[in-house]
Amino acid sequence: MPSLTNALRAEYQQLFDSCQIRPERQAEVDAAAERALGQRARYEAVAQPLGVPWYVVAVVHSLEASARFDAHLHNGDPLTARTVHVPANRPPSGSPPFSWEASATDALQLARYDRWGDWSLPGILFKWESYNGWGYRNHHPEVKSPYLWSFTNHYLRGKYVADGTFSATAVSKQVGAAALLRRLAEKGVLADTPPTGPVPGSGPGPIPGPVAGPITPPPAAVPARLHYDPDHVAPDGIALQRFLNQFPDIFLREDGQLGPRSSEAFRSVFGQYLQGDPRAA
């Protein structure tokens, strides 16, 4: 099992910063993000007592149980009985049918999420890849784990179709964890969630991600030609969003529509809102 070294942190950060959702998969990722946001209160009720960000639980729920609340968070088995698939016979106490909250708490504790204090982006991605297994990294490094990167520019094909059986041509049909987290980040979820401090004895706390590599200059049109316009695709709008995405804690959907979040990111870098933003008055 790999350790979360500085080199691996930098790799995760660079991959997430450069992550783009494939256009043909955008609707599926959007739908998964809206489902997660719609159940935020329910995720928070389980996550907060354990010191886990709610969106981490939401993404695991999407991957392991297709976001169904009649299924165990462990592996998607029905709540009407203990789990059958790995991990089997969970939860170990209580009687079925189980509530989703009780089962989810057991799943997170079994995976030691309550003892993991590093909820930086690299820390989250490491925890997810560890949960799914290191087969891709150890035996097929040419394939970025689809558990993380499916539906993004970092994944095309290659998949374990059974335990120990890898197919170079199989393609994941599931929204990857990083793809879903990226879309939630583009919606501002990471910015409006208070950082979770480290659990005593669990290791280092959140570490802000550095800008990956040299900063690409902004479009020559900044700021003269670029205006606040959330309803239309602006000339050079995508280039501006791509430039702003290079800065830590900025996650914009690169669609060229310069709305409130693009203007806010512009202000954090340049000290002023985009021209035409009502907040600039």
C-alpha atoms as a PDB file:
ATOM      1  CA  MET A   1       0.000   0.000   0.000  1.00  0.00           C
ATOM      2  CA  PRO A   2       1.455   3.371  -0.979  1.00  0.00           C
ATOM      3  CA  SER A   3       1.935   6.144   1.554  1.00  0.00           C
ATOM      4  CA  LEU A   4       0.655   9.669   1.066  1.00  0.00           C
ATOM      5  CA  THR A   5       4.045  11.161   0.293  1.00  0.00           C
ATOM      6  CA  ASN A   6       4.640  14.729  -0.847  1.00  0.00           C
ATOM      7  CA  ALA A   7       5.127  13.416  -4.386  1.00  0.00           C
ATOM      8  CA  LEU A   8       1.784  11.616  -4.318  1.00  0.00           C
ATOM      9  CA  ARG A   9       0.108  14.706  -2.861  1.00  0.00           C
ATOM     10  CA  ALA A  10       1.460  16.775  -5.728  1.00  0.00           C
ATOM     11  CA  GLU A  11       0.246  14.191  -8.249  1.00  0.00           C
ATOM     12  CA  TYR A  12      -3.277  14.147  -6.854  1.00  0.00           C
ATOM     13  CA  GLN A  13      -3.404  17.951  -6.718  1.00  0.00           C
ATOM     14  CA  GLN A  14      -2.176  18.320 -10.293  1.00  0.00           C
ATOM     15  CA  LEU A  15      -4.656  15.737 -11.589  1.00  0.00           C
ATOM     16  CA  PHE A  16      -7.573  17.360  -9.786  1.00  0.00           C
ATOM     17  CA  ASP A  17      -6.589  20.879 -10.841  1.00  0.00           C
ATOM     18  CA  SER A  18      -6.394  19.769 -14.492  1.00  0.00           C
ATOM     19  CA  CYS A  19      -9.462  17.538 -14.290  1.00  0.00           C
ATOM     20  CA  GLN A  20     -12.151  18.271 -16.876  1.00  0.00           C
ATOM     21  CA  ILE A  21     -15.424  16.383 -17.162  1.00  0.00           C
ATOM     22  CA  ARG A  22     -15.918  14.882 -20.604  1.00  0.00           C
ATOM     23  CA  PRO A  23     -18.645  16.849 -22.447  1.00  0.00           C
ATOM     24  CA  GLU A  24     -20.586  13.710 -23.362  1.00  0.00           C
ATOM     25  CA  ARG A  25     -20.725  12.766 -19.664  1.00  0.00           C
ATOM     26  CA  GLN A  26     -21.555  16.215 -18.315  1.00  0.00           C
ATOM     27  CA  ALA A  27     -25.276  15.538 -17.877  1.00  0.00           C
ATOM     28  CA  GLU A  28     -24.655  12.379 -15.844  1.00  0.00           C
ATOM     29  CA  VAL A  29     -22.157  14.126 -13.582  1.00  0.00           C
ATOM     30  CA  ASP A  30     -24.513  17.100 -13.153  1.00  0.00           C
ATOM     31  CA  ALA A  31     -27.331  14.739 -12.171  1.00  0.00           C
ATOM     32  CA  ALA A  32     -25.122  12.994  -9.598  1.00  0.00           C
ATOM     33  CA  ALA A  33     -24.063  16.357  -8.149  1.00  0.00           C
ATOM     34  CA  GLU A  34     -27.673  17.551  -7.871  1.00  0.00           C
ATOM     35  CA  ARG A  35     -28.641  14.319  -6.094  1.00  0.00           C
ATOM     36  CA  ALA A  36     -25.825  14.854  -3.604  1.00  0.00           C
ATOM     37  CA  LEU A  37     -26.755  18.490  -2.991  1.00  0.00           C
ATOM     38  CA  GLY A  38     -30.394  17.530  -2.528  1.00  0.00           C
ATOM     39  CA  GLN A  39     -29.483  15.182   0.321  1.00  0.00           C
ATOM     40  CA  ARG A  40     -26.839  17.360   1.947  1.00  0.00           C
ATOM     41  CA  ALA A  41     -28.630  17.534   5.319  1.00  0.00           C
ATOM     42  CA  ARG A  42     -28.847  13.758   5.512  1.00  0.00           C
ATOM     43  CA  TYR A  43     -25.176  13.331   4.696  1.00  0.00           C
ATOM     44  CA  GLU A  44     -24.207  15.990   7.222  1.00  0.00           C
ATOM     45  CA  ALA A  45     -26.137  14.209   9.976  1.00  0.00           C
ATOM     46  CA  VAL A  46     -23.867  11.165   9.535  1.00  0.00           C
ATOM     47  CA  ALA A  47     -20.652  12.959   8.602  1.00  0.00           C
ATOM     48  CA  GLN A  48     -20.395  15.666  11.249  1.00  0.00           C
ATOM     49  CA  PRO A  49     -20.250  13.409  14.351  1.00  0.00           C
ATOM     50  CA  LEU A  50     -17.374  11.525  12.704  1.00  0.00           C
ATOM     51  CA  GLY A  51     -15.456  14.640  11.629  1.00  0.00           C
ATOM     52  CA  VAL A  52     -15.885  13.845   7.921  1.00  0.00           C
ATOM     53  CA  PRO A  53     -16.870  16.417   5.254  1.00  0.00           C
ATOM     54  CA  TRP A  54     -20.412  15.708   4.075  1.00  0.00           C
ATOM     55  CA  TYR A  55     -19.437  15.660   0.423  1.00  0.00           C
ATOM     56  CA  VAL A  56     -16.947  12.838   1.074  1.00  0.00           C
ATOM     57  CA  VAL A  57     -19.845  10.703   2.332  1.00  0.00           C
ATOM     58  CA  ALA A  58     -22.012  11.761  -0.614  1.00  0.00           C
ATOM     59  CA  VAL A  59     -19.403  10.691  -3.143  1.00  0.00           C
ATOM     60  CA  VAL A  60     -18.817   7.321  -1.442  1.00  0.00           C
ATOM     61  CA  HIS A  61     -22.592   6.802  -1.433  1.00  0.00           C
ATOM     62  CA  SER A  62     -22.730   7.475  -5.167  1.00  0.00           C
ATOM     63  CA  LEU A  63     -19.885   5.064  -5.910  1.00  0.00           C
ATOM     64  CA  GLU A  64     -20.794   2.241  -3.542  1.00  0.00           C
ATOM     65  CA  ALA A  65     -24.589   2.330  -3.479  1.00  0.00           C
ATOM     66  CA  SER A  66     -25.637   4.391  -6.517  1.00  0.00           C
ATOM     67  CA  ALA A  67     -26.861   7.052  -4.032  1.00  0.00           C
ATOM     68  CA  ARG A  68     -29.699   4.760  -2.900  1.00  0.00           C
ATOM     69  CA  PHE A  69     -30.930   5.152   0.672  1.00  0.00           C
ATOM     70  CA  ASP A  70     -32.308   1.608   0.795  1.00  0.00           C
ATOM     71  CA  ALA A  71     -28.807   0.159   0.459  1.00  0.00           C
ATOM     72  CA  HIS A  72     -25.766  -0.276   2.683  1.00  0.00           C
ATOM     73  CA  LEU A  73     -23.075   2.353   2.191  1.00  0.00           C
ATOM     74  CA  HIS A  74     -20.512  -0.464   2.483  1.00  0.00           C
ATOM     75  CA  ASN A  75     -21.295  -2.054  -0.880  1.00  0.00           C
ATOM     76  CA  GLY A  76     -24.864  -1.411  -2.024  1.00  0.00           C
ATOM     77  CA  ASP A  77     -26.432  -4.557  -0.515  1.00  0.00           C
ATOM     78  CA  PRO A  78     -30.051  -4.050   0.665  1.00  0.00           C
ATOM     79  CA  LEU A  79     -30.661  -2.733   4.164  1.00  0.00           C
ATOM     80  CA  THR A  80     -33.186  -5.511   4.789  1.00  0.00           C
ATOM     81  CA  ALA A  81     -30.335  -7.801   5.872  1.00  0.00           C
ATOM     82  CA  ARG A  82     -26.687  -7.662   6.871  1.00  0.00           C
ATOM     83  CA  THR A  83     -24.258  -7.226   3.993  1.00  0.00           C
ATOM     84  CA  VAL A  84     -23.498 -10.320   1.920  1.00  0.00           C
ATOM     85  CA  HIS A  85     -20.743  -9.012  -0.323  1.00  0.00           C
ATOM     86  CA  VAL A  86     -17.381  -7.733   0.937  1.00  0.00           C
ATOM     87  CA  PRO A  87     -17.389  -6.503   3.630  1.00  0.00           C
ATOM     88  CA  ALA A  88     -19.844  -9.191   4.733  1.00  0.00           C
ATOM     89  CA  ASN A  89     -22.003  -9.371   7.878  1.00  0.00           C
ATOM     90  CA  ARG A  90     -22.146  -5.624   8.490  1.00  0.00           C
ATOM     91  CA  PRO A  91     -23.250  -3.960  10.663  1.00  0.00           C
ATOM     92  CA  PRO A  92     -22.201  -6.515  13.283  1.00  0.00           C
ATOM     93  CA  SER A  93     -24.784  -5.389  15.847  1.00  0.00           C
ATOM     94  CA  GLY A  94     -28.452  -4.517  15.692  1.00  0.00           C
ATOM     95  CA  SER A  95     -31.188  -6.241  13.737  1.00  0.00           C
ATOM     96  CA  PRO A  96     -32.337  -5.699  10.162  1.00  0.00           C
ATOM     97  CA  PRO A  97     -33.844  -3.823   8.550  1.00  0.00           C
ATOM     98  CA  PHE A  98     -31.174  -1.209   9.263  1.00  0.00           C
ATOM     99  CA  SER A  99     -31.563   2.509   8.919  1.00  0.00           C
ATOM    100  CA  TRP A 100     -29.334   4.059   6.295  1.00  0.00           C
ATOM    101  CA  GLU A 101     -27.755   6.283   8.948  1.00  0.00           C
ATOM    102  CA  ALA A 102     -26.783   3.367  11.218  1.00  0.00           C
ATOM    103  CA  SER A 103     -25.328   1.379   8.347  1.00  0.00           C
ATOM    104  CA  ALA A 104     -23.484   4.399   6.911  1.00  0.00           C
ATOM    105  CA  THR A 105     -21.922   5.150  10.295  1.00  0.00           C
ATOM    106  CA  ASP A 106     -20.697   1.557  10.543  1.00  0.00           C
ATOM    107  CA  ALA A 107     -19.275   1.669   7.002  1.00  0.00           C
ATOM    108  CA  LEU A 108     -17.365   4.882   7.631  1.00  0.00           C
ATOM    109  CA  GLN A 109     -15.991   3.642  10.945  1.00  0.00           C
ATOM    110  CA  LEU A 110     -14.991   0.315   9.401  1.00  0.00           C
ATOM    111  CA  ALA A 111     -13.027   2.212   6.741  1.00  0.00           C
ATOM    112  CA  ARG A 112     -11.542   4.365   9.539  1.00  0.00           C
ATOM    113  CA  TYR A 113     -12.885   7.586   8.083  1.00  0.00           C
ATOM    114  CA  ASP A 114     -13.461   8.779  11.629  1.00  0.00           C
ATOM    115  CA  ARG A 115      -9.720   8.410  12.272  1.00  0.00           C
ATOM    116  CA  TRP A 116      -8.556  10.131   9.088  1.00  0.00           C
ATOM    117  CA  GLY A 117      -7.861  13.794   9.676  1.00  0.00           C
ATOM    118  CA  ASP A 118      -6.434  14.919   6.322  1.00  0.00           C
ATOM    119  CA  TRP A 119      -9.380  16.220   4.328  1.00  0.00           C
ATOM    120  CA  SER A 120      -7.290  18.205   1.857  1.00  0.00           C
ATOM    121  CA  LEU A 121      -7.960  17.274  -1.762  1.00  0.00           C
ATOM    122  CA  PRO A 122      -4.928  14.930  -1.897  1.00  0.00           C
ATOM    123  CA  GLY A 123      -5.988  13.389   1.398  1.00  0.00           C
ATOM    124  CA  ILE A 124      -9.510  12.745   0.120  1.00  0.00           C
ATOM    125  CA  LEU A 125      -8.326  11.227  -3.174  1.00  0.00           C
ATOM    126  CA  PHE A 126      -5.804   9.031  -1.364  1.00  0.00           C
ATOM    127  CA  LYS A 127      -8.504   7.747   0.991  1.00  0.00           C
ATOM    128  CA  TRP A 128     -10.823   6.927  -1.901  1.00  0.00           C
ATOM    129  CA  GLU A 129      -8.161   5.193  -3.975  1.00  0.00           C
ATOM    130  CA  SER A 130      -7.103   3.227  -0.911  1.00  0.00           C
ATOM    131  CA  TYR A 131     -10.701   2.118  -0.329  1.00  0.00           C
ATOM    132  CA  ASN A 132     -11.065   0.854  -3.884  1.00  0.00           C
ATOM    133  CA  GLY A 133      -7.618  -0.750  -4.042  1.00  0.00           C
ATOM    134  CA  TRP A 134      -4.208  -0.125  -5.553  1.00  0.00           C
ATOM    135  CA  GLY A 135      -4.430  -2.550  -8.486  1.00  0.00           C
ATOM    136  CA  TYR A 136      -4.322   0.143 -11.159  1.00  0.00           C
ATOM    137  CA  ARG A 137      -1.423   2.030  -9.618  1.00  0.00           C
ATOM    138  CA  ASN A 138       0.594  -1.133  -8.832  1.00  0.00           C
ATOM    139  CA  HIS A 139      -0.115  -3.267 -11.908  1.00  0.00           C
ATOM    140  CA  HIS A 140      -1.560  -0.993 -14.618  1.00  0.00           C
ATOM    141  CA  PRO A 141      -0.060   2.465 -14.049  1.00  0.00           C
ATOM    142  CA  GLU A 142      -0.947   3.405 -17.621  1.00  0.00           C
ATOM    143  CA  VAL A 143      -4.583   3.569 -16.465  1.00  0.00           C
ATOM    144  CA  LYS A 144      -5.651   6.133 -13.918  1.00  0.00           C
ATOM    145  CA  SER A 145      -8.107   4.491 -11.518  1.00  0.00           C
ATOM    146  CA  PRO A 146     -11.617   4.783 -12.989  1.00  0.00           C
ATOM    147  CA  TYR A 147     -12.959   4.753  -9.423  1.00  0.00           C
ATOM    148  CA  LEU A 148     -11.516   8.266  -9.256  1.00  0.00           C
ATOM    149  CA  TRP A 149     -11.210   9.538 -12.809  1.00  0.00           C
ATOM    150  CA  SER A 150     -13.965   7.913 -14.882  1.00  0.00           C
ATOM    151  CA  PHE A 151     -15.869  10.484 -17.001  1.00  0.00           C
ATOM    152  CA  THR A 152     -12.885  12.870 -16.993  1.00  0.00           C
ATOM    153  CA  ASN A 153     -10.060  13.689 -19.368  1.00  0.00           C
ATOM    154  CA  HIS A 154      -7.721  11.548 -17.228  1.00  0.00           C
ATOM    155  CA  TYR A 155      -9.479   8.265 -18.066  1.00  0.00           C
ATOM    156  CA  LEU A 156     -10.354   6.624 -21.375  1.00  0.00           C
ATOM    157  CA  ARG A 157     -10.491   2.837 -20.968  1.00  0.00           C
ATOM    158  CA  GLY A 158      -9.142  -0.091 -18.961  1.00  0.00           C
ATOM    159  CA  LYS A 159     -10.914  -1.668 -16.019  1.00  0.00           C
ATOM    160  CA  TYR A 160     -10.898  -4.550 -13.573  1.00  0.00           C
ATOM    161  CA  VAL A 161     -13.997  -6.513 -14.569  1.00  0.00           C
ATOM    162  CA  ALA A 162     -13.635  -8.993 -11.683  1.00  0.00           C
ATOM    163  CA  ASP A 163     -11.263  -9.531  -8.783  1.00  0.00           C
ATOM    164  CA  GLY A 164      -7.810  -9.892 -10.323  1.00  0.00           C
ATOM    165  CA  THR A 165      -9.154  -9.744 -13.901  1.00  0.00           C
ATOM    166  CA  PHE A 166      -8.162  -6.661 -15.888  1.00  0.00           C
ATOM    167  CA  SER A 167      -9.488  -5.762 -19.325  1.00  0.00           C
ATOM    168  CA  ALA A 168      -7.601  -3.177 -21.367  1.00  0.00           C
ATOM    169  CA  THR A 169     -10.718  -2.467 -23.460  1.00  0.00           C
ATOM    170  CA  ALA A 170     -13.450  -2.316 -20.809  1.00  0.00           C
ATOM    171  CA  VAL A 171     -14.748   1.163 -20.018  1.00  0.00           C
ATOM    172  CA  SER A 172     -16.181   2.279 -16.691  1.00  0.00           C
ATOM    173  CA  LYS A 173     -19.830   3.337 -16.866  1.00  0.00           C
ATOM    174  CA  GLN A 174     -19.803   4.927 -13.406  1.00  0.00           C
ATOM    175  CA  VAL A 175     -19.265   8.562 -12.473  1.00  0.00           C
ATOM    176  CA  GLY A 176     -15.771   8.681 -10.965  1.00  0.00           C
ATOM    177  CA  ALA A 177     -15.299  10.031  -7.458  1.00  0.00           C
ATOM    178  CA  ALA A 178     -12.996  12.848  -8.592  1.00  0.00           C
ATOM    179  CA  ALA A 179     -15.379  13.776 -11.416  1.00  0.00           C
ATOM    180  CA  LEU A 180     -18.245  14.154  -8.952  1.00  0.00           C
ATOM    181  CA  LEU A 181     -16.089  16.055  -6.456  1.00  0.00           C
ATOM    182  CA  ARG A 182     -14.873  18.351  -9.217  1.00  0.00           C
ATOM    183  CA  ARG A 183     -18.445  19.204 -10.205  1.00  0.00           C
ATOM    184  CA  LEU A 184     -19.357  19.853  -6.578  1.00  0.00           C
ATOM    185  CA  ALA A 185     -16.285  22.078  -6.306  1.00  0.00           C
ATOM    186  CA  GLU A 186     -17.385  23.981  -9.412  1.00  0.00           C
ATOM    187  CA  LYS A 187     -20.710  24.570  -7.670  1.00  0.00           C
ATOM    188  CA  GLY A 188     -18.893  26.104  -4.711  1.00  0.00           C
ATOM    189  CA  VAL A 189     -19.391  23.255  -2.253  1.00  0.00           C
ATOM    190  CA  LEU A 190     -15.772  23.081  -1.129  1.00  0.00           C
ATOM    191  CA  ALA A 191     -15.669  26.827  -0.562  1.00  0.00           C
ATOM    192  CA  ASP A 192     -18.786  26.963   1.631  1.00  0.00           C
ATOM    193  CA  THR A 193     -17.870  24.000   3.851  1.00  0.00           C
ATOM    194  CA  PRO A 194     -15.797  24.804   6.950  1.00  0.00           C
ATOM    195  CA  PRO A 195     -12.497  22.873   6.923  1.00  0.00           C
ATOM    196  CA  THR A 196     -12.421  19.780   9.107  1.00  0.00           C
ATOM    197  CA  GLY A 197      -9.606  19.746  11.626  1.00  0.00           C
ATOM    198  CA  PRO A 198      -7.438  16.692  12.245  1.00  0.00           C
ATOM    199  CA  VAL A 199      -8.647  13.979  14.559  1.00  0.00           C
ATOM    200  CA  PRO A 200      -6.115  13.554  17.414  1.00  0.00           C
ATOM    201  CA  GLY A 201      -3.536  10.961  16.493  1.00  0.00           C
ATOM    202  CA  SER A 202      -4.685  10.752  12.878  1.00  0.00           C
ATOM    203  CA  GLY A 203      -1.877  12.619  11.172  1.00  0.00           C
ATOM    204  CA  PRO A 204      -1.602  16.035   9.528  1.00  0.00           C
ATOM    205  CA  GLY A 205      -4.579  18.218   8.849  1.00  0.00           C
ATOM    206  CA  PRO A 206      -5.618  19.883   5.594  1.00  0.00           C
ATOM    207  CA  ILE A 207      -2.804  21.222   3.459  1.00  0.00           C
ATOM    208  CA  PRO A 208      -3.677  23.820   0.815  1.00  0.00           C
ATOM    209  CA  GLY A 209      -2.787  22.708  -2.672  1.00  0.00           C
ATOM    210  CA  PRO A 210      -0.114  24.680  -4.528  1.00  0.00           C
ATOM    211  CA  VAL A 211      -0.530  25.973  -8.008  1.00  0.00           C
ATOM    212  CA  ALA A 212       0.600  23.169 -10.296  1.00  0.00           C
ATOM    213  CA  GLY A 213       3.490  24.402 -12.413  1.00  0.00           C
ATOM    214  CA  PRO A 214       3.991  27.856 -13.910  1.00  0.00           C
ATOM    215  CA  ILE A 215       0.989  30.140 -14.226  1.00  0.00           C
ATOM    216  CA  THR A 216      -0.302  30.477 -17.773  1.00  0.00           C
ATOM    217  CA  PRO A 217      -0.829  34.152 -18.637  1.00  0.00           C
ATOM    218  CA  PRO A 218      -4.462  35.297 -18.770  1.00  0.00           C
ATOM    219  CA  PRO A 219      -6.111  36.126 -22.093  1.00  0.00           C
ATOM    220  CA  ALA A 220      -4.852  39.366 -23.580  1.00  0.00           C
ATOM    221  CA  ALA A 221      -8.435  40.664 -23.417  1.00  0.00           C
ATOM    222  CA  VAL A 222      -8.441  40.834 -19.610  1.00  0.00           C
ATOM    223  CA  PRO A 223     -10.033  43.003 -18.387  1.00  0.00           C
ATOM    224  CA  ALA A 224     -11.161  45.182 -21.314  1.00  0.00           C
ATOM    225  CA  ARG A 225     -13.255  42.772 -23.416  1.00  0.00           C
ATOM    226  CA  LEU A 226     -14.450  40.328 -20.780  1.00  0.00           C
ATOM    227  CA  HIS A 227     -17.702  41.275 -19.078  1.00  0.00           C
ATOM    228  CA  TYR A 228     -20.031  39.692 -16.572  1.00  0.00           C
ATOM    229  CA  ASP A 229     -22.546  37.674 -18.585  1.00  0.00           C
ATOM    230  CA  PRO A 230     -23.903  34.466 -17.062  1.00  0.00           C
ATOM    231  CA  ASP A 231     -26.212  33.731 -20.000  1.00  0.00           C
ATOM    232  CA  HIS A 232     -23.819  33.731 -22.964  1.00  0.00           C
ATOM    233  CA  VAL A 233     -20.457  32.256 -23.892  1.00  0.00           C
ATOM    234  CA  ALA A 234     -17.943  35.094 -23.920  1.00  0.00           C
ATOM    235  CA  PRO A 235     -15.030  35.334 -26.346  1.00  0.00           C
ATOM    236  CA  ASP A 236     -11.977  34.205 -24.390  1.00  0.00           C
ATOM    237  CA  GLY A 237     -14.275  33.223 -21.512  1.00  0.00           C
ATOM    238  CA  ILE A 238     -13.008  29.642 -21.402  1.00  0.00           C
ATOM    239  CA  ALA A 239      -9.408  30.853 -21.542  1.00  0.00           C
ATOM    240  CA  LEU A 240     -10.061  33.142 -18.584  1.00  0.00           C
ATOM    241  CA  GLN A 241     -11.688  30.364 -16.556  1.00  0.00           C
ATOM    242  CA  ARG A 242      -8.801  28.032 -17.376  1.00  0.00           C
ATOM    243  CA  PHE A 243      -6.366  30.681 -16.178  1.00  0.00           C
ATOM    244  CA  LEU A 244      -8.277  31.265 -12.939  1.00  0.00           C
ATOM    245  CA  ASN A 245      -8.487  27.526 -12.289  1.00  0.00           C
ATOM    246  CA  GLN A 246      -4.718  27.455 -11.859  1.00  0.00           C
ATOM    247  CA  PHE A 247      -5.015  29.213  -8.503  1.00  0.00           C
ATOM    248  CA  PRO A 248      -5.591  27.270  -5.262  1.00  0.00           C
ATOM    249  CA  ASP A 249      -9.191  26.818  -4.136  1.00  0.00           C
ATOM    250  CA  ILE A 250     -10.675  28.055  -7.432  1.00  0.00           C
ATOM    251  CA  PHE A 251     -12.748  25.485  -9.305  1.00  0.00           C
ATOM    252  CA  LEU A 252     -14.673  26.840 -12.259  1.00  0.00           C
ATOM    253  CA  ARG A 253     -16.576  24.996 -14.913  1.00  0.00           C
ATOM    254  CA  GLU A 254     -14.825  25.941 -18.143  1.00  0.00           C
ATOM    255  CA  ASP A 255     -17.916  26.772 -20.182  1.00  0.00           C
ATOM    256  CA  GLY A 256     -17.149  30.394 -21.136  1.00  0.00           C
ATOM    257  CA  GLN A 257     -20.184  31.759 -19.281  1.00  0.00           C
ATOM    258  CA  LEU A 258     -18.859  34.435 -16.937  1.00  0.00           C
ATOM    259  CA  GLY A 259     -21.368  34.408 -14.107  1.00  0.00           C
ATOM    260  CA  PRO A 260     -21.167  35.036 -10.356  1.00  0.00           C
ATOM    261  CA  ARG A 261     -18.578  32.378  -9.535  1.00  0.00           C
ATOM    262  CA  SER A 262     -16.277  33.366 -12.405  1.00  0.00           C
ATOM    263  CA  SER A 263     -16.539  36.998 -11.347  1.00  0.00           C
ATOM    264  CA  GLU A 264     -15.806  36.097  -7.725  1.00  0.00           C
ATOM    265  CA  ALA A 265     -12.738  34.129  -8.805  1.00  0.00           C
ATOM    266  CA  PHE A 266     -11.650  37.063 -10.973  1.00  0.00           C
ATOM    267  CA  ARG A 267     -11.932  39.320  -7.932  1.00  0.00           C
ATOM    268  CA  SER A 268      -9.841  36.967  -5.764  1.00  0.00           C
ATOM    269  CA  VAL A 269      -7.012  37.116  -8.310  1.00  0.00           C
ATOM    270  CA  PHE A 270      -7.272  40.674  -9.701  1.00  0.00           C
ATOM    271  CA  GLY A 271      -8.942  42.508  -6.806  1.00  0.00           C
ATOM    272  CA  GLN A 272     -12.064  43.528  -8.706  1.00  0.00           C
ATOM    273  CA  TYR A 273     -15.224  41.957 -10.084  1.00  0.00           C
ATOM    274  CA  LEU A 274     -15.751  41.565 -13.809  1.00  0.00           C
ATOM    275  CA  GLN A 275     -17.176  44.633 -15.518  1.00  0.00           C
ATOM    276  CA  GLY A 276     -20.955  44.485 -15.438  1.00  0.00           C
ATOM    277  CA  ASP A 277     -21.170  42.469 -12.226  1.00  0.00           C
ATOM    278  CA  PRO A 278     -23.850  44.145 -10.024  1.00  0.00           C
ATOM    279  CA  ARG A 279     -21.541  43.693  -7.037  1.00  0.00           C
ATOM    280  CA  ALA A 280     -18.968  45.987  -8.669  1.00  0.00           C
ATOM    281  CA  ALA A 281     -21.175  49.037  -8.203  1.00  0.00           C
END
